[in-house]
Amino acid sequence: MARVMVERKFGEAESFDELQAQEVSFGWCAEQHRVTFIRSYFSKDRKRMICEYEAPDAEAVRRLQRTASMPFERIWTATVFDWDAG
């Protein structure tokens, strides 16, 4: 499975609760495409967001976002590095 990042940009400040509700309502689609939500990062001004998913590939996440009519700027596959603070 791949780690896939979704970048979102909004013209107006967005409500995280509304976006989350919209995405949750398409849980059936996420399951169908084998996409699992990991976490989101929301900018303080609520005009930018990065969401992290685990999926077979970026295209599976792209299909989910389009089906759910979720706005996005870019979708890309990431490599996760766990840095040892020691």
PDB file of N, CA and C in Angstrom:
ATOM      1  N   MET A   1       0.847  -1.184   0.000  1.00  0.00           N
ATOM      2  CA  MET A   1       0.000   0.000   0.000  1.00  0.00           C
ATOM      3  C   MET A   1       0.890   1.243   0.000  1.00  0.00           C
ATOM      4  N   ALA A   2       0.381   2.301  -0.594  1.00  0.00           N
ATOM      5  CA  ALA A   2       1.124   3.559  -0.709  1.00  0.00           C
ATOM      6  C   ALA A   2       0.559   4.596   0.257  1.00  0.00           C
ATOM      7  N   ARG A   3       1.390   5.534   0.644  1.00  0.00           N
ATOM      8  CA  ARG A   3       0.947   6.697   1.411  1.00  0.00           C
ATOM      9  C   ARG A   3       0.664   7.772   0.379  1.00  0.00           C
ATOM     10  N   VAL A   4      -0.540   8.326   0.397  1.00  0.00           N
ATOM     11  CA  VAL A   4      -0.967   9.289  -0.618  1.00  0.00           C
ATOM     12  C   VAL A   4      -1.414  10.569   0.072  1.00  0.00           C
ATOM     13  N   MET A   5      -0.909  11.698  -0.433  1.00  0.00           N
ATOM     14  CA  MET A   5      -1.226  13.009   0.121  1.00  0.00           C
ATOM     15  C   MET A   5      -2.173  13.751  -0.827  1.00  0.00           C
ATOM     16  N   VAL A   6      -3.141  14.434  -0.248  1.00  0.00           N
ATOM     17  CA  VAL A   6      -4.086  15.248  -1.012  1.00  0.00           C
ATOM     18  C   VAL A   6      -3.954  16.682  -0.523  1.00  0.00           C
ATOM     19  N   GLU A   7      -3.645  17.587  -1.430  1.00  0.00           N
ATOM     20  CA  GLU A   7      -3.557  19.012  -1.095  1.00  0.00           C
ATOM     21  C   GLU A   7      -4.851  19.689  -1.501  1.00  0.00           C
ATOM     22  N   ARG A   8      -5.407  20.461  -0.580  1.00  0.00           N
ATOM     23  CA  ARG A   8      -6.643  21.201  -0.855  1.00  0.00           C
ATOM     24  C   ARG A   8      -6.391  22.689  -0.616  1.00  0.00           C
ATOM     25  N   LYS A   9      -7.027  23.508  -1.431  1.00  0.00           N
ATOM     26  CA  LYS A   9      -6.951  24.964  -1.267  1.00  0.00           C
ATOM     27  C   LYS A   9      -8.368  25.503  -1.407  1.00  0.00           C
ATOM     28  N   PHE A  10      -8.739  26.402  -0.507  1.00  0.00           N
ATOM     29  CA  PHE A  10     -10.094  26.957  -0.494  1.00  0.00           C
ATOM     30  C   PHE A  10     -10.034  28.471  -0.645  1.00  0.00           C
ATOM     31  N   GLY A  11     -11.005  29.045  -1.358  1.00  0.00           N
ATOM     32  CA  GLY A  11     -11.082  30.494  -1.516  1.00  0.00           C
ATOM     33  C   GLY A  11     -11.505  31.181  -0.230  1.00  0.00           C
ATOM     34  N   GLU A  12     -12.369  30.545   0.514  1.00  0.00           N
ATOM     35  CA  GLU A  12     -12.875  31.053   1.789  1.00  0.00           C
ATOM     36  C   GLU A  12     -12.468  30.070   2.880  1.00  0.00           C
ATOM     37  N   ALA A  13     -12.460  30.525   4.112  1.00  0.00           N
ATOM     38  CA  ALA A  13     -12.167  29.636   5.235  1.00  0.00           C
ATOM     39  C   ALA A  13     -13.216  28.525   5.269  1.00  0.00           C
ATOM     40  N   GLU A  14     -12.770  27.283   5.411  1.00  0.00           N
ATOM     41  CA  GLU A  14     -13.656  26.132   5.389  1.00  0.00           C
ATOM     42  C   GLU A  14     -13.894  25.583   6.787  1.00  0.00           C
ATOM     43  N   SER A  15     -14.976  24.886   6.934  1.00  0.00           N
ATOM     44  CA  SER A  15     -15.302  24.212   8.183  1.00  0.00           C
ATOM     45  C   SER A  15     -14.800  22.775   8.100  1.00  0.00           C
ATOM     46  N   PHE A  16     -13.919  22.404   9.022  1.00  0.00           N
ATOM     47  CA  PHE A  16     -13.401  21.041   9.038  1.00  0.00           C
ATOM     48  C   PHE A  16     -14.535  20.045   9.225  1.00  0.00           C
ATOM     49  N   ASP A  17     -15.493  20.372  10.090  1.00  0.00           N
ATOM     50  CA  ASP A  17     -16.606  19.457  10.362  1.00  0.00           C
ATOM     51  C   ASP A  17     -17.413  19.162   9.105  1.00  0.00           C
ATOM     52  N   GLU A  18     -17.655  20.176   8.279  1.00  0.00           N
ATOM     53  CA  GLU A  18     -18.414  19.974   7.044  1.00  0.00           C
ATOM     54  C   GLU A  18     -17.640  19.096   6.054  1.00  0.00           C
ATOM     55  N   LEU A  19     -16.337  19.366   5.924  1.00  0.00           N
ATOM     56  CA  LEU A  19     -15.520  18.549   5.024  1.00  0.00           C
ATOM     57  C   LEU A  19     -15.458  17.105   5.505  1.00  0.00           C
ATOM     58  N   GLN A  20     -15.305  16.931   6.797  1.00  0.00           N
ATOM     59  CA  GLN A  20     -15.236  15.588   7.353  1.00  0.00           C
ATOM     60  C   GLN A  20     -16.555  14.845   7.131  1.00  0.00           C
ATOM     61  N   ALA A  21     -17.674  15.503   7.338  1.00  0.00           N
ATOM     62  CA  ALA A  21     -18.979  14.878   7.137  1.00  0.00           C
ATOM     63  C   ALA A  21     -19.157  14.455   5.679  1.00  0.00           C
ATOM     64  N   GLN A  22     -18.709  15.299   4.756  1.00  0.00           N
ATOM     65  CA  GLN A  22     -18.816  14.969   3.335  1.00  0.00           C
ATOM     66  C   GLN A  22     -17.979  13.731   3.020  1.00  0.00           C
ATOM     67  N   GLU A  23     -16.772  13.674   3.549  1.00  0.00           N
ATOM     68  CA  GLU A  23     -15.913  12.526   3.281  1.00  0.00           C
ATOM     69  C   GLU A  23     -16.451  11.257   3.931  1.00  0.00           C
ATOM     70  N   VAL A  24     -16.956  11.353   5.158  1.00  0.00           N
ATOM     71  CA  VAL A  24     -17.507  10.194   5.857  1.00  0.00           C
ATOM     72  C   VAL A  24     -18.692   9.614   5.085  1.00  0.00           C
ATOM     73  N   SER A  25     -19.474  10.478   4.472  1.00  0.00           N
ATOM     74  CA  SER A  25     -20.646   9.994   3.730  1.00  0.00           C
ATOM     75  C   SER A  25     -20.253   9.157   2.514  1.00  0.00           C
ATOM     76  N   PHE A  26     -18.982   9.216   2.113  1.00  0.00           N
ATOM     77  CA  PHE A  26     -18.516   8.408   0.990  1.00  0.00           C
ATOM     78  C   PHE A  26     -17.607   7.279   1.464  1.00  0.00           C
ATOM     79  N   GLY A  27     -17.819   6.824   2.700  1.00  0.00           N
ATOM     80  CA  GLY A  27     -17.042   5.713   3.242  1.00  0.00           C
ATOM     81  C   GLY A  27     -17.160   4.459   2.397  1.00  0.00           C
ATOM     82  N   TRP A  28     -18.348   4.230   1.842  1.00  0.00           N
ATOM     83  CA  TRP A  28     -18.550   3.062   0.966  1.00  0.00           C
ATOM     84  C   TRP A  28     -17.605   3.107  -0.226  1.00  0.00           C
ATOM     85  N   CYS A  29     -17.363   4.308  -0.758  1.00  0.00           N
ATOM     86  CA  CYS A  29     -16.487   4.475  -1.924  1.00  0.00           C
ATOM     87  C   CYS A  29     -15.029   4.247  -1.521  1.00  0.00           C
ATOM     88  N   ALA A  30     -14.645   4.754  -0.349  1.00  0.00           N
ATOM     89  CA  ALA A  30     -13.287   4.540   0.139  1.00  0.00           C
ATOM     90  C   ALA A  30     -13.022   3.049   0.303  1.00  0.00           C
ATOM     91  N   GLU A  31     -13.992   2.352   0.870  1.00  0.00           N
ATOM     92  CA  GLU A  31     -13.846   0.908   1.048  1.00  0.00           C
ATOM     93  C   GLU A  31     -13.714   0.199  -0.298  1.00  0.00           C
ATOM     94  N   GLN A  32     -14.525   0.611  -1.250  1.00  0.00           N
ATOM     95  CA  GLN A  32     -14.502   0.003  -2.587  1.00  0.00           C
ATOM     96  C   GLN A  32     -13.134   0.182  -3.256  1.00  0.00           C
ATOM     97  N   HIS A  33     -12.494   1.336  -3.053  1.00  0.00           N
ATOM     98  CA  HIS A  33     -11.186   1.620  -3.667  1.00  0.00           C
ATOM     99  C   HIS A  33     -10.016   1.272  -2.749  1.00  0.00           C
ATOM    100  N   ARG A  34     -10.329   0.685  -1.568  1.00  0.00           N
ATOM    101  CA  ARG A  34      -9.313   0.275  -0.592  1.00  0.00           C
ATOM    102  C   ARG A  34      -8.474   1.463  -0.114  1.00  0.00           C
ATOM    103  N   VAL A  35      -9.160   2.577   0.159  1.00  0.00           N
ATOM    104  CA  VAL A  35      -8.512   3.805   0.630  1.00  0.00           C
ATOM    105  C   VAL A  35      -8.846   3.996   2.112  1.00  0.00           C
ATOM    106  N   THR A  36      -7.809   4.226   2.912  1.00  0.00           N
ATOM    107  CA  THR A  36      -7.984   4.452   4.346  1.00  0.00           C
ATOM    108  C   THR A  36      -7.455   5.834   4.714  1.00  0.00           C
ATOM    109  N   PHE A  37      -8.286   6.614   5.361  1.00  0.00           N
ATOM    110  CA  PHE A  37      -7.879   7.938   5.841  1.00  0.00           C
ATOM    111  C   PHE A  37      -6.914   7.762   7.009  1.00  0.00           C
ATOM    112  N   ILE A  38      -5.820   8.550   7.021  1.00  0.00           N
ATOM    113  CA  ILE A  38      -4.849   8.507   8.116  1.00  0.00           C
ATOM    114  C   ILE A  38      -4.990   9.746   9.002  1.00  0.00           C
ATOM    115  N   ARG A  39      -4.798  10.937   8.409  1.00  0.00           N
ATOM    116  CA  ARG A  39      -4.893  12.187   9.183  1.00  0.00           C
ATOM    117  C   ARG A  39      -4.972  13.366   8.231  1.00  0.00           C
ATOM    118  N   SER A  40      -5.343  14.532   8.797  1.00  0.00           N
ATOM    119  CA  SER A  40      -5.376  15.782   8.038  1.00  0.00           C
ATOM    120  C   SER A  40      -4.630  16.865   8.798  1.00  0.00           C
ATOM    121  N   TYR A  41      -4.101  17.811   8.042  1.00  0.00           N
ATOM    122  CA  TYR A  41      -3.461  19.008   8.580  1.00  0.00           C
ATOM    123  C   TYR A  41      -4.201  20.195   7.975  1.00  0.00           C
ATOM    124  N   PHE A  42      -4.691  21.096   8.838  1.00  0.00           N
ATOM    125  CA  PHE A  42      -5.485  22.241   8.407  1.00  0.00           C
ATOM    126  C   PHE A  42      -4.712  23.506   8.762  1.00  0.00           C
ATOM    127  N   SER A  43      -4.527  24.414   7.816  1.00  0.00           N
ATOM    128  CA  SER A  43      -3.826  25.669   8.115  1.00  0.00           C
ATOM    129  C   SER A  43      -4.667  26.505   9.086  1.00  0.00           C
ATOM    130  N   LYS A  44      -4.005  27.378   9.824  1.00  0.00           N
ATOM    131  CA  LYS A  44      -4.708  28.195  10.814  1.00  0.00           C
ATOM    132  C   LYS A  44      -5.780  29.075  10.190  1.00  0.00           C
ATOM    133  N   ASP A  45      -5.551  29.538   8.951  1.00  0.00           N
ATOM    134  CA  ASP A  45      -6.555  30.387   8.300  1.00  0.00           C
ATOM    135  C   ASP A  45      -7.676  29.563   7.640  1.00  0.00           C
ATOM    136  N   ARG A  46      -7.581  28.227   7.727  1.00  0.00           N
ATOM    137  CA  ARG A  46      -8.573  27.275   7.196  1.00  0.00           C
ATOM    138  C   ARG A  46      -8.762  27.401   5.681  1.00  0.00           C
ATOM    139  N   LYS A  47      -7.708  27.828   4.974  1.00  0.00           N
ATOM    140  CA  LYS A  47      -7.779  27.930   3.513  1.00  0.00           C
ATOM    141  C   LYS A  47      -6.917  26.894   2.811  1.00  0.00           C
ATOM    142  N   ARG A  48      -6.152  26.111   3.580  1.00  0.00           N
ATOM    143  CA  ARG A  48      -5.314  25.051   3.018  1.00  0.00           C
ATOM    144  C   ARG A  48      -5.419  23.823   3.912  1.00  0.00           C
ATOM    145  N   MET A  49      -5.330  22.672   3.264  1.00  0.00           N
ATOM    146  CA  MET A  49      -5.431  21.425   3.999  1.00  0.00           C
ATOM    147  C   MET A  49      -4.614  20.359   3.281  1.00  0.00           C
ATOM    148  N   ILE A  50      -3.965  19.509   4.054  1.00  0.00           N
ATOM    149  CA  ILE A  50      -3.295  18.342   3.494  1.00  0.00           C
ATOM    150  C   ILE A  50      -3.869  17.125   4.200  1.00  0.00           C
ATOM    151  N   CYS A  51      -4.319  16.163   3.427  1.00  0.00           N
ATOM    152  CA  CYS A  51      -4.890  14.941   3.974  1.00  0.00           C
ATOM    153  C   CYS A  51      -4.004  13.767   3.575  1.00  0.00           C
ATOM    154  N   GLU A  52      -3.849  12.845   4.493  1.00  0.00           N
ATOM    155  CA  GLU A  52      -2.984  11.687   4.288  1.00  0.00           C
ATOM    156  C   GLU A  52      -3.847  10.421   4.256  1.00  0.00           C
ATOM    157  N   TYR A  53      -3.600   9.584   3.266  1.00  0.00           N
ATOM    158  CA  TYR A  53      -4.339   8.340   3.090  1.00  0.00           C
ATOM    159  C   TYR A  53      -3.381   7.183   2.856  1.00  0.00           C
ATOM    160  N   GLU A  54      -3.874   5.983   3.082  1.00  0.00           N
ATOM    161  CA  GLU A  54      -3.174   4.778   2.663  1.00  0.00           C
ATOM    162  C   GLU A  54      -4.057   4.150   1.593  1.00  0.00           C
ATOM    163  N   ALA A  55      -3.438   3.788   0.467  1.00  0.00           N
ATOM    164  CA  ALA A  55      -4.211   3.294  -0.672  1.00  0.00           C
ATOM    165  C   ALA A  55      -3.306   2.476  -1.589  1.00  0.00           C
ATOM    166  N   PRO A  56      -3.902   1.734  -2.511  1.00  0.00           N
ATOM    167  CA  PRO A  56      -3.084   0.981  -3.467  1.00  0.00           C
ATOM    168  C   PRO A  56      -2.193   1.900  -4.305  1.00  0.00           C
ATOM    169  N   ASP A  57      -2.726   3.095  -4.643  1.00  0.00           N
ATOM    170  CA  ASP A  57      -1.972   4.065  -5.444  1.00  0.00           C
ATOM    171  C   ASP A  57      -2.699   5.408  -5.429  1.00  0.00           C
ATOM    172  N   ALA A  58      -2.071   6.418  -6.016  1.00  0.00           N
ATOM    173  CA  ALA A  58      -2.661   7.766  -6.032  1.00  0.00           C
ATOM    174  C   ALA A  58      -3.961   7.800  -6.831  1.00  0.00           C
ATOM    175  N   GLU A  59      -4.063   6.981  -7.854  1.00  0.00           N
ATOM    176  CA  GLU A  59      -5.268   6.990  -8.688  1.00  0.00           C
ATOM    177  C   GLU A  59      -6.501   6.551  -7.903  1.00  0.00           C
ATOM    178  N   ALA A  60      -6.359   5.607  -6.981  1.00  0.00           N
ATOM    179  CA  ALA A  60      -7.486   5.168  -6.151  1.00  0.00           C
ATOM    180  C   ALA A  60      -8.003   6.333  -5.310  1.00  0.00           C
ATOM    181  N   VAL A  61      -7.094   7.124  -4.762  1.00  0.00           N
ATOM    182  CA  VAL A  61      -7.489   8.292  -3.960  1.00  0.00           C
ATOM    183  C   VAL A  61      -8.122   9.348  -4.861  1.00  0.00           C
ATOM    184  N   ARG A  62      -7.574   9.537  -6.035  1.00  0.00           N
ATOM    185  CA  ARG A  62      -8.126  10.510  -6.991  1.00  0.00           C
ATOM    186  C   ARG A  62      -9.560  10.140  -7.354  1.00  0.00           C
ATOM    187  N   ARG A  63      -9.826   8.855  -7.605  1.00  0.00           N
ATOM    188  CA  ARG A  63     -11.193   8.413  -7.938  1.00  0.00           C
ATOM    189  C   ARG A  63     -12.139   8.676  -6.773  1.00  0.00           C
ATOM    190  N   LEU A  64     -11.675   8.397  -5.553  1.00  0.00           N
ATOM    191  CA  LEU A  64     -12.500   8.654  -4.375  1.00  0.00           C
ATOM    192  C   LEU A  64     -12.827  10.138  -4.258  1.00  0.00           C
ATOM    193  N   GLN A  65     -11.833  11.001  -4.396  1.00  0.00           N
ATOM    194  CA  GLN A  65     -12.043  12.443  -4.261  1.00  0.00           C
ATOM    195  C   GLN A  65     -13.031  12.956  -5.308  1.00  0.00           C
ATOM    196  N   ARG A  66     -12.922  12.464  -6.521  1.00  0.00           N
ATOM    197  CA  ARG A  66     -13.843  12.901  -7.581  1.00  0.00           C
ATOM    198  C   ARG A  66     -15.263  12.410  -7.323  1.00  0.00           C
ATOM    199  N   THR A  67     -15.408  11.155  -6.905  1.00  0.00           N
ATOM    200  CA  THR A  67     -16.737  10.611  -6.621  1.00  0.00           C
ATOM    201  C   THR A  67     -17.406  11.376  -5.489  1.00  0.00           C
ATOM    202  N   ALA A  68     -16.626  11.726  -4.467  1.00  0.00           N
ATOM    203  CA  ALA A  68     -17.164  12.454  -3.309  1.00  0.00           C
ATOM    204  C   ALA A  68     -17.278  13.960  -3.555  1.00  0.00           C
ATOM    205  N   SER A  69     -16.873  14.419  -4.741  1.00  0.00           N
ATOM    206  CA  SER A  69     -16.872  15.851  -5.080  1.00  0.00           C
ATOM    207  C   SER A  69     -16.077  16.671  -4.073  1.00  0.00           C
ATOM    208  N   MET A  70     -14.966  16.106  -3.610  1.00  0.00           N
ATOM    209  CA  MET A  70     -14.079  16.803  -2.679  1.00  0.00           C
ATOM    210  C   MET A  70     -13.085  17.635  -3.479  1.00  0.00           C
ATOM    211  N   PRO A  71     -12.885  18.888  -3.094  1.00  0.00           N
ATOM    212  CA  PRO A  71     -11.944  19.730  -3.827  1.00  0.00           C
ATOM    213  C   PRO A  71     -10.504  19.301  -3.556  1.00  0.00           C
ATOM    214  N   PHE A  72      -9.664  19.371  -4.597  1.00  0.00           N
ATOM    215  CA  PHE A  72      -8.243  19.115  -4.391  1.00  0.00           C
ATOM    216  C   PHE A  72      -7.418  19.822  -5.449  1.00  0.00           C
ATOM    217  N   GLU A  73      -6.208  20.203  -5.060  1.00  0.00           N
ATOM    218  CA  GLU A  73      -5.242  20.830  -5.966  1.00  0.00           C
ATOM    219  C   GLU A  73      -4.342  19.764  -6.588  1.00  0.00           C
ATOM    220  N   ARG A  74      -3.766  18.921  -5.720  1.00  0.00           N
ATOM    221  CA  ARG A  74      -2.834  17.884  -6.155  1.00  0.00           C
ATOM    222  C   ARG A  74      -3.026  16.636  -5.312  1.00  0.00           C
ATOM    223  N   ILE A  75      -2.693  15.502  -5.923  1.00  0.00           N
ATOM    224  CA  ILE A  75      -2.659  14.223  -5.221  1.00  0.00           C
ATOM    225  C   ILE A  75      -1.355  13.558  -5.608  1.00  0.00           C
ATOM    226  N   TRP A  76      -0.581  13.149  -4.599  1.00  0.00           N
ATOM    227  CA  TRP A  76       0.729  12.570  -4.882  1.00  0.00           C
ATOM    228  C   TRP A  76       1.091  11.501  -3.860  1.00  0.00           C
ATOM    229  N   THR A  77       1.928  10.572  -4.297  1.00  0.00           N
ATOM    230  CA  THR A  77       2.393   9.486  -3.444  1.00  0.00           C
ATOM    231  C   THR A  77       3.625   9.966  -2.665  1.00  0.00           C
ATOM    232  N   ALA A  78       3.667   9.641  -1.386  1.00  0.00           N
ATOM    233  CA  ALA A  78       4.744  10.104  -0.512  1.00  0.00           C
ATOM    234  C   ALA A  78       5.541   8.927   0.053  1.00  0.00           C
ATOM    235  N   THR A  79       6.743   9.225   0.471  1.00  0.00           N
ATOM    236  CA  THR A  79       7.567   8.288   1.213  1.00  0.00           C
ATOM    237  C   THR A  79       7.618   8.788   2.652  1.00  0.00           C
ATOM    238  N   VAL A  80       7.368   7.896   3.603  1.00  0.00           N
ATOM    239  CA  VAL A  80       7.376   8.261   5.007  1.00  0.00           C
ATOM    240  C   VAL A  80       8.747   7.953   5.605  1.00  0.00           C
ATOM    241  N   PHE A  81       9.328   8.946   6.261  1.00  0.00           N
ATOM    242  CA  PHE A  81      10.594   8.775   6.959  1.00  0.00           C
ATOM    243  C   PHE A  81      10.316   8.966   8.442  1.00  0.00           C
ATOM    244  N   ASP A  82      10.714   8.017   9.239  1.00  0.00           N
ATOM    245  CA  ASP A  82      10.617   8.153  10.688  1.00  0.00           C
ATOM    246  C   ASP A  82      12.011   8.469  11.196  1.00  0.00           C
ATOM    247  N   TRP A  83      12.206   9.707  11.638  1.00  0.00           N
ATOM    248  CA  TRP A  83      13.508  10.143  12.110  1.00  0.00           C
ATOM    249  C   TRP A  83      13.693   9.730  13.555  1.00  0.00           C
ATOM    250  N   ASP A  84      14.830   9.191  13.861  1.00  0.00           N
ATOM    251  CA  ASP A  84      15.174   8.821  15.231  1.00  0.00           C
ATOM    252  C   ASP A  84      15.732  10.046  15.936  1.00  0.00           C
ATOM    253  N   ALA A  85      15.010  10.501  16.963  1.00  0.00           N
ATOM    254  CA  ALA A  85      15.426  11.713  17.681  1.00  0.00           C
ATOM    255  C   ALA A  85      16.641  11.473  18.574  1.00  0.00           C
ATOM    256  N   GLY A  86      17.038  10.201  18.759  1.00  0.00           N
ATOM    257  CA  GLY A  86      18.048   9.811  19.696  1.00  0.00           C
ATOM    258  C   GLY A  86      19.401  10.255  19.431  1.00  0.00           C
TER     259      GLY A  86
END
